[in-house]
Amino acid sequence: MHKRWIDRGLSEDAYTEFEVFEDGQRTWIPLHNSYGKYIGAQGWGENPKYKSVLNSGESLRLTLLNLHRAKKKIIEYNYAIAVEGTLDVVGLWDCGVENAVSLIGTSGMNGEKLSILLRYCDNVIIWPDMEPEGMKAARGARNSLPNSNIIVLEYDIDKLKAKDADECRQKYGPKVVKEIINRIWTRMV
């Protein structure tokens, strides 16, 4: 297991489950389509903001990272958590949140991807990055499906200083992450 993985507080179980691999310079997380077929990998080096994507040629436009693992729980719970980043979905899985998928970036926050999720459940919680671009994209995606039960998670950034789901997990732990999700979910039902 690589130091970057350990420094983020991610477990060996997550490393194994997500089939993480390394090439000496980057840590890579494989991307799969909804059937579990490998379609590429997302990698990052010392600075996780600078990512690389290897693509098998299959479009990532409609890909929801982790859907192949999460869809059974999404159906069972009748709701999904949609996050922006790859490490956000890995971090949520590491917390025991098994109904989360990544929209793979701000540009992935769109009605098309949410429509795919709504094939498996009636409710979606979007947990975007807490910056203007992420919030705007999440609201736009929600508003593109006005007759759907989609909530954009918004919290007081001054009280909870975390820019995204994974940073929230790192700073506050799995218990707080689950409390945030449960608080939103109880408002939806």
Foldseek 3Di string as FASTA:
>chain_A
DDPVCVVLVADPVLCVVQVWDDDVFWIWGFFAALQRHTFWIKIDGPDNVDIDIGGNPDDLLQGWGLNNFQLVVCLVVQEAEEEADPLLVSQLVSLVNRRYTYLHHLSSLAQNNVVVSCVRHQEYEYWYFPDVSRVVSNVHRCVVCVVGHYHYQDDDCVVQVARTNSRSCSPPNSVVSVVSVVVVVVVSD
